[in-house]
Amino acid sequence: MNKTKTALCILGCAILVGCAFNRTVIEGRDFDTGKASQITKGVSTMNDVYALYGEPFKKEVKSSSEVFVEYYWRKTLVTTTGGFGGPNIRRSGDHKYLQILFTNDIVANYVIRQGPFEDANLGGKK
């Protein structure tokens, strides 16, 4: 009888451990969005931006005169829990994006986005 209870207890613990999973994922490189106040449209150069932030996460040449760069950072907590319909996956965390369009090596436009985010119920039955 004790062997049966022990086996059931071990099985129950194994099921519970397998039902919940948390993982933290960090993407990109953290940067100070406050430095963007030093960027001036029509005045700041690509060298000025690189001096503030370093190499971008992404650089895309749009044409001979236009270049798009992106600085990006995201810290995500991924939580997976088991369910009868399949796994339930939830992502939440913080992110920062600084996207800059250069025309002839001068800042033509830039956008900053930052703050918390949450994507819930990414798995399981829809």
Foldseek 3Di string as FASTA:
>chain_A
DVVVVVVVVVVVVVLVVVFKDKDKDKDFDDFDPVCCVVADAPPDFLVNVCVRPNAAPDWDDPDPFKIKGKGKIWIWMWMWGADPQGIWIKIKGKMWMWMFMGGNRGTNDIDIDIDIDMDTRPDGDD
